[in-house]
Amino acid sequence: KMSKSKGNVVSPEDIVARYGADTARLFILFAAPPERDLEWSDQGVEGCFRFLKRVWRLVTAVADTLQNAPQHPTGKLVGINRSMQRVTHNTIKKVTEDIGDRFNFNTAVSAIMEMVNALYQYKELPETDRDPAVLREAVESLLLLLAPFAPHITEELWELTGHTGSIHQQPWPLYDEGALAEDEVTIVVQINGKVRDRMLIPAGLSAAEMQERVIKDPKVAKFTAGKNIVKVIPVPGKLVNIVVK
């Protein structure tokens, strides 16, 4: 911890001069939750500086694409485009709740960092596989979520991506509950109460549909072969327990 008596006080002016005001602000909000004292870390400051540089590289790399991208997808999203949309809306939900309900700025920043990682992976896909509307929504949401923590770089990137008006006068992004829903869920398969397998199935299957899929699965059939199935207990979205004798 910083203390005048210990002679380890770091001047904010020095930090701003070396890394910029955004890095200093981001580190202070990210380094610790509100109820704890700030533990100074040169590595932490460097990490925040590198993160903002990553954001800059990401957004400038797709700026031209964003300016010509539609606001909304033209059809139903599937696969990686659906996954990227889900990441965007999950991040909006997480950051909104962390800031508005819990004042956990550090976990909000962490969620934004995870979103940037996902966006880098999405950006590397062939353009034919990416939906430009999904990319636009993700990057715009990223900048809006990051703006309270890094107001200067987000303002500049907002303008660079073709927007007029200050980013700090834009409405806060809202998440769509429908976009949060998983396309697939992992369920547990039990035989006489013992876990024998885990299966990835489409989300929203009924109990009867789950039961049919599990019974027909070759891995499950090895445990039920030659035995009498007494009862099947499906719990939608979670597990199927098969009782055999």
C-alpha atoms as a PDB file:
ATOM      1  CA  LYS A   1       0.000   0.000   0.000  1.00  0.00           C
ATOM      2  CA  MET A   2       1.117   3.532  -0.647  1.00  0.00           C
ATOM      3  CA  SER A   3       2.149   5.595   2.373  1.00  0.00           C
ATOM      4  CA  LYS A   4       4.053   8.858   2.806  1.00  0.00           C
ATOM      5  CA  SER A   5       5.878   7.398   5.814  1.00  0.00           C
ATOM      6  CA  LYS A   6       7.126   4.515   3.681  1.00  0.00           C
ATOM      7  CA  GLY A   7       8.166   6.820   0.872  1.00  0.00           C
ATOM      8  CA  ASN A   8       6.381   4.761  -1.755  1.00  0.00           C
ATOM      9  CA  VAL A   9       3.743   7.239  -2.871  1.00  0.00           C
ATOM     10  CA  VAL A  10       3.230   7.266  -6.644  1.00  0.00           C
ATOM     11  CA  SER A  11       2.284  10.617  -8.128  1.00  0.00           C
ATOM     12  CA  PRO A  12      -0.829  10.512 -10.330  1.00  0.00           C
ATOM     13  CA  GLU A  13       0.804  13.137 -12.527  1.00  0.00           C
ATOM     14  CA  ASP A  14       3.713  10.772 -13.207  1.00  0.00           C
ATOM     15  CA  ILE A  15       1.334   7.959 -14.157  1.00  0.00           C
ATOM     16  CA  VAL A  16      -0.687  10.193 -16.452  1.00  0.00           C
ATOM     17  CA  ALA A  17       2.457  11.570 -18.074  1.00  0.00           C
ATOM     18  CA  ARG A  18       3.801   8.083 -18.796  1.00  0.00           C
ATOM     19  CA  TYR A  19       0.665   6.071 -19.572  1.00  0.00           C
ATOM     20  CA  GLY A  20      -2.155   8.577 -20.059  1.00  0.00           C
ATOM     21  CA  ALA A  21      -5.189   9.436 -17.953  1.00  0.00           C
ATOM     22  CA  ASP A  22      -7.240   6.485 -19.230  1.00  0.00           C
ATOM     23  CA  THR A  23      -4.690   3.934 -18.035  1.00  0.00           C
ATOM     24  CA  ALA A  24      -4.495   5.550 -14.595  1.00  0.00           C
ATOM     25  CA  ARG A  25      -8.277   5.658 -14.267  1.00  0.00           C
ATOM     26  CA  LEU A  26      -8.740   2.096 -15.522  1.00  0.00           C
ATOM     27  CA  PHE A  27      -6.121   0.700 -13.148  1.00  0.00           C
ATOM     28  CA  ILE A  28      -7.597   2.437 -10.098  1.00  0.00           C
ATOM     29  CA  LEU A  29     -11.071   1.084 -10.866  1.00  0.00           C
ATOM     30  CA  PHE A  30      -9.852  -2.384 -11.860  1.00  0.00           C
ATOM     31  CA  ALA A  31      -7.233  -3.048  -9.186  1.00  0.00           C
ATOM     32  CA  ALA A  32      -9.559  -3.582  -6.227  1.00  0.00           C
ATOM     33  CA  PRO A  33     -13.246  -3.634  -5.220  1.00  0.00           C
ATOM     34  CA  PRO A  34     -14.555  -0.466  -3.519  1.00  0.00           C
ATOM     35  CA  GLU A  35     -14.372  -1.897   0.008  1.00  0.00           C
ATOM     36  CA  ARG A  36     -10.654  -2.719  -0.202  1.00  0.00           C
ATOM     37  CA  ASP A  37      -7.562  -0.517  -0.170  1.00  0.00           C
ATOM     38  CA  LEU A  38      -5.785  -0.110  -3.473  1.00  0.00           C
ATOM     39  CA  GLU A  39      -2.634  -2.215  -3.744  1.00  0.00           C
ATOM     40  CA  TRP A  40      -0.286  -0.449  -6.129  1.00  0.00           C
ATOM     41  CA  SER A  41       1.226  -2.617  -8.842  1.00  0.00           C
ATOM     42  CA  ASP A  42       3.489  -1.516 -11.678  1.00  0.00           C
ATOM     43  CA  GLN A  43       2.568  -4.735 -13.471  1.00  0.00           C
ATOM     44  CA  GLY A  44      -1.109  -3.887 -13.050  1.00  0.00           C
ATOM     45  CA  VAL A  45      -0.642  -0.465 -14.604  1.00  0.00           C
ATOM     46  CA  GLU A  46       1.308  -1.992 -17.493  1.00  0.00           C
ATOM     47  CA  GLY A  47      -1.444  -4.555 -17.952  1.00  0.00           C
ATOM     48  CA  CYS A  48      -4.131  -1.877 -18.205  1.00  0.00           C
ATOM     49  CA  PHE A  49      -1.969   0.078 -20.654  1.00  0.00           C
ATOM     50  CA  ARG A  50      -1.521  -3.009 -22.851  1.00  0.00           C
ATOM     51  CA  PHE A  51      -5.239  -3.740 -22.687  1.00  0.00           C
ATOM     52  CA  LEU A  52      -6.163  -0.283 -23.972  1.00  0.00           C
ATOM     53  CA  LYS A  53      -3.644  -0.697 -26.787  1.00  0.00           C
ATOM     54  CA  ARG A  54      -5.339  -4.007 -27.679  1.00  0.00           C
ATOM     55  CA  VAL A  55      -8.694  -2.253 -27.797  1.00  0.00           C
ATOM     56  CA  TRP A  56      -7.226   0.429 -30.057  1.00  0.00           C
ATOM     57  CA  ARG A  57      -5.752  -2.146 -32.462  1.00  0.00           C
ATOM     58  CA  LEU A  58      -8.977  -4.134 -32.530  1.00  0.00           C
ATOM     59  CA  VAL A  59     -11.295  -1.240 -33.258  1.00  0.00           C
ATOM     60  CA  THR A  60      -9.052   0.502 -35.787  1.00  0.00           C
ATOM     61  CA  ALA A  61      -8.664  -2.792 -37.669  1.00  0.00           C
ATOM     62  CA  VAL A  62     -12.426  -3.087 -38.244  1.00  0.00           C
ATOM     63  CA  ALA A  63     -13.355   0.620 -38.374  1.00  0.00           C
ATOM     64  CA  ASP A  64     -13.994   0.669 -42.127  1.00  0.00           C
ATOM     65  CA  THR A  65     -16.121  -2.478 -41.942  1.00  0.00           C
ATOM     66  CA  LEU A  66     -18.243  -1.006 -39.167  1.00  0.00           C
ATOM     67  CA  GLN A  67     -19.048   2.162 -41.092  1.00  0.00           C
ATOM     68  CA  ASN A  68     -20.685   0.111 -43.856  1.00  0.00           C
ATOM     69  CA  ALA A  69     -22.276  -2.540 -41.638  1.00  0.00           C
ATOM     70  CA  PRO A  70     -26.049  -2.770 -41.123  1.00  0.00           C
ATOM     71  CA  GLN A  71     -27.405  -2.125 -37.652  1.00  0.00           C
ATOM     72  CA  HIS A  72     -29.261  -5.431 -37.442  1.00  0.00           C
ATOM     73  CA  PRO A  73     -28.619  -8.953 -38.796  1.00  0.00           C
ATOM     74  CA  THR A  74     -30.591  -9.774 -41.926  1.00  0.00           C
ATOM     75  CA  GLY A  75     -31.534 -13.297 -40.835  1.00  0.00           C
ATOM     76  CA  LYS A  76     -31.469 -15.762 -37.963  1.00  0.00           C
ATOM     77  CA  LEU A  77     -28.037 -16.053 -36.400  1.00  0.00           C
ATOM     78  CA  VAL A  78     -26.406 -19.454 -36.027  1.00  0.00           C
ATOM     79  CA  GLY A  79     -23.036 -20.863 -35.050  1.00  0.00           C
ATOM     80  CA  ILE A  80     -20.197 -18.468 -34.298  1.00  0.00           C
ATOM     81  CA  ASN A  81     -22.307 -15.389 -35.093  1.00  0.00           C
ATOM     82  CA  ARG A  82     -24.926 -16.454 -32.565  1.00  0.00           C
ATOM     83  CA  SER A  83     -22.163 -17.124 -30.030  1.00  0.00           C
ATOM     84  CA  MET A  84     -20.624 -13.668 -30.535  1.00  0.00           C
ATOM     85  CA  GLN A  85     -24.006 -12.035 -30.109  1.00  0.00           C
ATOM     86  CA  ARG A  86     -24.483 -13.988 -26.878  1.00  0.00           C
ATOM     87  CA  VAL A  87     -21.094 -12.813 -25.583  1.00  0.00           C
ATOM     88  CA  THR A  88     -22.048  -9.209 -26.342  1.00  0.00           C
ATOM     89  CA  HIS A  89     -25.352  -9.340 -24.505  1.00  0.00           C
ATOM     90  CA  ASN A  90     -23.974 -11.334 -21.581  1.00  0.00           C
ATOM     91  CA  THR A  91     -21.269  -8.694 -21.182  1.00  0.00           C
ATOM     92  CA  ILE A  92     -23.800  -5.858 -21.306  1.00  0.00           C
ATOM     93  CA  LYS A  93     -25.829  -7.613 -18.603  1.00  0.00           C
ATOM     94  CA  LYS A  94     -22.795  -8.330 -16.429  1.00  0.00           C
ATOM     95  CA  VAL A  95     -21.315  -4.821 -16.641  1.00  0.00           C
ATOM     96  CA  THR A  96     -24.698  -3.159 -16.125  1.00  0.00           C
ATOM     97  CA  GLU A  97     -25.344  -5.169 -12.968  1.00  0.00           C
ATOM     98  CA  ASP A  98     -21.801  -4.812 -11.638  1.00  0.00           C
ATOM     99  CA  ILE A  99     -21.830  -1.036 -12.046  1.00  0.00           C
ATOM    100  CA  GLY A 100     -25.449  -0.238 -11.240  1.00  0.00           C
ATOM    101  CA  ASP A 101     -26.296  -2.770  -8.544  1.00  0.00           C
ATOM    102  CA  ARG A 102     -23.041  -3.777  -6.874  1.00  0.00           C
ATOM    103  CA  PHE A 103     -20.495  -1.038  -7.696  1.00  0.00           C
ATOM    104  CA  ASN A 104     -18.036  -3.819  -8.532  1.00  0.00           C
ATOM    105  CA  PHE A 105     -16.017  -1.885 -11.082  1.00  0.00           C
ATOM    106  CA  ASN A 106     -13.184  -4.417 -11.051  1.00  0.00           C
ATOM    107  CA  THR A 107     -15.378  -7.320 -12.150  1.00  0.00           C
ATOM    108  CA  ALA A 108     -17.059  -5.109 -14.750  1.00  0.00           C
ATOM    109  CA  VAL A 109     -13.663  -4.333 -16.292  1.00  0.00           C
ATOM    110  CA  SER A 110     -12.773  -8.022 -16.178  1.00  0.00           C
ATOM    111  CA  ALA A 111     -15.923  -8.865 -18.155  1.00  0.00           C
ATOM    112  CA  ILE A 112     -15.017  -6.234 -20.759  1.00  0.00           C
ATOM    113  CA  MET A 113     -11.541  -7.743 -21.077  1.00  0.00           C
ATOM    114  CA  GLU A 114     -13.064 -11.170 -21.716  1.00  0.00           C
ATOM    115  CA  MET A 115     -15.284  -9.658 -24.387  1.00  0.00           C
ATOM    116  CA  VAL A 116     -12.239  -8.161 -26.114  1.00  0.00           C
ATOM    117  CA  ASN A 117     -10.638 -11.625 -26.199  1.00  0.00           C
ATOM    118  CA  ALA A 118     -13.778 -13.039 -27.816  1.00  0.00           C
ATOM    119  CA  LEU A 119     -13.854 -10.193 -30.336  1.00  0.00           C
ATOM    120  CA  TYR A 120     -10.259 -10.840 -31.369  1.00  0.00           C
ATOM    121  CA  GLN A 121     -11.146 -14.461 -32.107  1.00  0.00           C
ATOM    122  CA  TYR A 122     -14.232 -13.374 -34.023  1.00  0.00           C
ATOM    123  CA  LYS A 123     -12.255 -10.792 -36.020  1.00  0.00           C
ATOM    124  CA  GLU A 124      -9.844 -13.477 -37.228  1.00  0.00           C
ATOM    125  CA  LEU A 125     -12.631 -15.416 -38.944  1.00  0.00           C
ATOM    126  CA  PRO A 126     -12.944 -15.108 -42.734  1.00  0.00           C
ATOM    127  CA  GLU A 127     -15.175 -12.161 -43.639  1.00  0.00           C
ATOM    128  CA  THR A 128     -17.583 -14.566 -45.313  1.00  0.00           C
ATOM    129  CA  ASP A 129     -18.168 -16.293 -41.956  1.00  0.00           C
ATOM    130  CA  ARG A 130     -18.712 -13.096 -39.955  1.00  0.00           C
ATOM    131  CA  ASP A 131     -21.947 -11.142 -39.794  1.00  0.00           C
ATOM    132  CA  PRO A 132     -21.025  -7.434 -40.086  1.00  0.00           C
ATOM    133  CA  ALA A 133     -24.069  -6.444 -38.033  1.00  0.00           C
ATOM    134  CA  VAL A 134     -22.936  -8.699 -35.180  1.00  0.00           C
ATOM    135  CA  LEU A 135     -19.458  -7.188 -35.340  1.00  0.00           C
ATOM    136  CA  ARG A 136     -20.863  -3.664 -35.334  1.00  0.00           C
ATOM    137  CA  GLU A 137     -23.106  -4.304 -32.339  1.00  0.00           C
ATOM    138  CA  ALA A 138     -20.257  -5.949 -30.430  1.00  0.00           C
ATOM    139  CA  VAL A 139     -17.720  -3.166 -31.029  1.00  0.00           C
ATOM    140  CA  GLU A 140     -20.209  -0.371 -30.359  1.00  0.00           C
ATOM    141  CA  SER A 141     -21.277  -2.081 -27.135  1.00  0.00           C
ATOM    142  CA  LEU A 142     -17.643  -2.575 -26.144  1.00  0.00           C
ATOM    143  CA  LEU A 143     -16.888   1.135 -26.533  1.00  0.00           C
ATOM    144  CA  LEU A 144     -20.017   2.195 -24.652  1.00  0.00           C
ATOM    145  CA  LEU A 145     -19.284  -0.194 -21.771  1.00  0.00           C
ATOM    146  CA  LEU A 146     -15.647   0.872 -21.593  1.00  0.00           C
ATOM    147  CA  ALA A 147     -16.388   4.613 -21.825  1.00  0.00           C
ATOM    148  CA  PRO A 148     -16.863   5.224 -18.061  1.00  0.00           C
ATOM    149  CA  PHE A 149     -13.494   3.581 -17.384  1.00  0.00           C
ATOM    150  CA  ALA A 150     -11.490   4.986 -20.314  1.00  0.00           C
ATOM    151  CA  PRO A 151     -13.316   8.113 -21.505  1.00  0.00           C
ATOM    152  CA  HIS A 152     -10.661   9.535 -23.821  1.00  0.00           C
ATOM    153  CA  ILE A 153      -9.736   6.543 -25.972  1.00  0.00           C
ATOM    154  CA  THR A 154     -13.375   5.498 -26.345  1.00  0.00           C
ATOM    155  CA  GLU A 155     -14.338   9.007 -27.442  1.00  0.00           C
ATOM    156  CA  GLU A 156     -11.691   8.931 -30.147  1.00  0.00           C
ATOM    157  CA  LEU A 157     -12.572   5.420 -31.303  1.00  0.00           C
ATOM    158  CA  TRP A 158     -16.269   6.296 -31.360  1.00  0.00           C
ATOM    159  CA  GLU A 159     -15.532   9.090 -33.816  1.00  0.00           C
ATOM    160  CA  LEU A 160     -13.120   6.900 -35.786  1.00  0.00           C
ATOM    161  CA  THR A 161     -15.845   4.324 -36.389  1.00  0.00           C
ATOM    162  CA  GLY A 162     -18.069   6.904 -38.067  1.00  0.00           C
ATOM    163  CA  HIS A 163     -20.246   8.154 -35.221  1.00  0.00           C
ATOM    164  CA  THR A 164     -21.219  11.762 -34.666  1.00  0.00           C
ATOM    165  CA  GLY A 165     -21.687  13.244 -31.223  1.00  0.00           C
ATOM    166  CA  SER A 166     -19.882  12.353 -28.037  1.00  0.00           C
ATOM    167  CA  ILE A 167     -19.918   8.743 -26.867  1.00  0.00           C
ATOM    168  CA  HIS A 168     -20.679  10.073 -23.388  1.00  0.00           C
ATOM    169  CA  GLN A 169     -24.022  11.414 -24.598  1.00  0.00           C
ATOM    170  CA  GLN A 170     -25.160   8.065 -26.017  1.00  0.00           C
ATOM    171  CA  PRO A 171     -27.713   5.848 -24.257  1.00  0.00           C
ATOM    172  CA  TRP A 172     -26.367   2.927 -22.250  1.00  0.00           C
ATOM    173  CA  PRO A 173     -26.593  -0.372 -24.185  1.00  0.00           C
ATOM    174  CA  LEU A 174     -29.418  -2.727 -23.247  1.00  0.00           C
ATOM    175  CA  TYR A 175     -29.214  -6.510 -23.314  1.00  0.00           C
ATOM    176  CA  ASP A 176     -31.776  -8.742 -24.981  1.00  0.00           C
ATOM    177  CA  GLU A 177     -32.929 -11.700 -22.895  1.00  0.00           C
ATOM    178  CA  GLY A 178     -33.477 -13.685 -26.073  1.00  0.00           C
ATOM    179  CA  ALA A 179     -29.853 -13.190 -27.093  1.00  0.00           C
ATOM    180  CA  LEU A 180     -28.673 -14.612 -23.758  1.00  0.00           C
ATOM    181  CA  ALA A 181     -30.294 -18.002 -24.278  1.00  0.00           C
ATOM    182  CA  GLU A 182     -27.987 -20.923 -24.951  1.00  0.00           C
ATOM    183  CA  ASP A 183     -28.524 -22.896 -28.150  1.00  0.00           C
ATOM    184  CA  GLU A 184     -27.252 -26.067 -26.497  1.00  0.00           C
ATOM    185  CA  VAL A 185     -26.978 -27.345 -22.943  1.00  0.00           C
ATOM    186  CA  THR A 186     -24.962 -30.134 -21.352  1.00  0.00           C
ATOM    187  CA  ILE A 187     -26.973 -32.705 -19.433  1.00  0.00           C
ATOM    188  CA  VAL A 188     -25.820 -35.463 -17.104  1.00  0.00           C
ATOM    189  CA  VAL A 189     -26.759 -39.079 -17.825  1.00  0.00           C
ATOM    190  CA  GLN A 190     -27.054 -41.325 -14.779  1.00  0.00           C
ATOM    191  CA  ILE A 191     -27.542 -45.073 -14.581  1.00  0.00           C
ATOM    192  CA  ASN A 192     -28.984 -46.088 -11.212  1.00  0.00           C
ATOM    193  CA  GLY A 193     -27.891 -42.736  -9.817  1.00  0.00           C
ATOM    194  CA  LYS A 194     -24.264 -42.954 -11.013  1.00  0.00           C
ATOM    195  CA  VAL A 195     -22.957 -40.505 -13.612  1.00  0.00           C
ATOM    196  CA  ARG A 196     -22.094 -42.408 -16.784  1.00  0.00           C
ATOM    197  CA  ASP A 197     -22.021 -39.714 -19.458  1.00  0.00           C
ATOM    198  CA  ARG A 198     -22.579 -36.059 -20.319  1.00  0.00           C
ATOM    199  CA  MET A 199     -24.402 -35.098 -23.495  1.00  0.00           C
ATOM    200  CA  LEU A 200     -24.710 -31.858 -25.451  1.00  0.00           C
ATOM    201  CA  ILE A 201     -28.308 -31.424 -26.583  1.00  0.00           C
ATOM    202  CA  PRO A 202     -30.375 -28.582 -28.094  1.00  0.00           C
ATOM    203  CA  ALA A 203     -31.751 -26.251 -25.449  1.00  0.00           C
ATOM    204  CA  GLY A 204     -35.489 -26.365 -24.848  1.00  0.00           C
ATOM    205  CA  LEU A 205     -36.079 -30.079 -25.460  1.00  0.00           C
ATOM    206  CA  SER A 206     -39.036 -31.539 -23.603  1.00  0.00           C
ATOM    207  CA  ALA A 207     -38.615 -34.314 -21.047  1.00  0.00           C
ATOM    208  CA  ALA A 208     -39.850 -36.876 -23.586  1.00  0.00           C
ATOM    209  CA  GLU A 209     -37.437 -35.640 -26.282  1.00  0.00           C
ATOM    210  CA  MET A 210     -34.515 -35.735 -23.840  1.00  0.00           C
ATOM    211  CA  GLN A 211     -35.422 -39.261 -22.792  1.00  0.00           C
ATOM    212  CA  GLU A 212     -35.602 -40.459 -26.401  1.00  0.00           C
ATOM    213  CA  ARG A 213     -32.179 -38.992 -27.283  1.00  0.00           C
ATOM    214  CA  VAL A 214     -30.503 -40.488 -24.229  1.00  0.00           C
ATOM    215  CA  ILE A 215     -31.992 -43.960 -24.653  1.00  0.00           C
ATOM    216  CA  LYS A 216     -30.836 -44.089 -28.294  1.00  0.00           C
ATOM    217  CA  ASP A 217     -27.302 -42.864 -27.562  1.00  0.00           C
ATOM    218  CA  PRO A 218     -24.702 -45.632 -28.231  1.00  0.00           C
ATOM    219  CA  LYS A 219     -22.668 -44.760 -25.117  1.00  0.00           C
ATOM    220  CA  VAL A 220     -25.727 -45.111 -22.918  1.00  0.00           C
ATOM    221  CA  ALA A 221     -26.798 -48.309 -24.676  1.00  0.00           C
ATOM    222  CA  LYS A 222     -23.599 -50.022 -23.463  1.00  0.00           C
ATOM    223  CA  PHE A 223     -24.770 -49.588 -19.871  1.00  0.00           C
ATOM    224  CA  THR A 224     -28.342 -50.719 -20.518  1.00  0.00           C
ATOM    225  CA  ALA A 225     -27.669 -53.630 -22.895  1.00  0.00           C
ATOM    226  CA  GLY A 226     -29.152 -56.887 -21.610  1.00  0.00           C
ATOM    227  CA  LYS A 227     -30.872 -55.136 -18.717  1.00  0.00           C
ATOM    228  CA  ASN A 228     -34.451 -54.185 -18.038  1.00  0.00           C
ATOM    229  CA  ILE A 229     -35.105 -50.447 -17.963  1.00  0.00           C
ATOM    230  CA  VAL A 230     -37.414 -50.016 -14.983  1.00  0.00           C
ATOM    231  CA  LYS A 231     -37.798 -46.260 -15.044  1.00  0.00           C
ATOM    232  CA  VAL A 232     -36.434 -43.164 -16.790  1.00  0.00           C
ATOM    233  CA  ILE A 233     -36.414 -39.891 -14.850  1.00  0.00           C
ATOM    234  CA  PRO A 234     -35.719 -36.862 -17.070  1.00  0.00           C
ATOM    235  CA  VAL A 235     -35.142 -33.390 -15.620  1.00  0.00           C
ATOM    236  CA  PRO A 236     -35.376 -30.949 -18.558  1.00  0.00           C
ATOM    237  CA  GLY A 237     -32.126 -29.125 -19.260  1.00  0.00           C
ATOM    238  CA  LYS A 238     -30.233 -30.906 -16.469  1.00  0.00           C
ATOM    239  CA  LEU A 239     -30.142 -34.711 -16.359  1.00  0.00           C
ATOM    240  CA  VAL A 240     -31.665 -38.055 -17.234  1.00  0.00           C
ATOM    241  CA  ASN A 241     -31.506 -40.868 -14.680  1.00  0.00           C
ATOM    242  CA  ILE A 242     -32.133 -44.404 -15.960  1.00  0.00           C
ATOM    243  CA  VAL A 243     -33.039 -47.095 -13.462  1.00  0.00           C
ATOM    244  CA  VAL A 244     -32.150 -50.613 -14.656  1.00  0.00           C
ATOM    245  CA  LYS A 245     -32.196 -54.155 -13.247  1.00  0.00           C
END
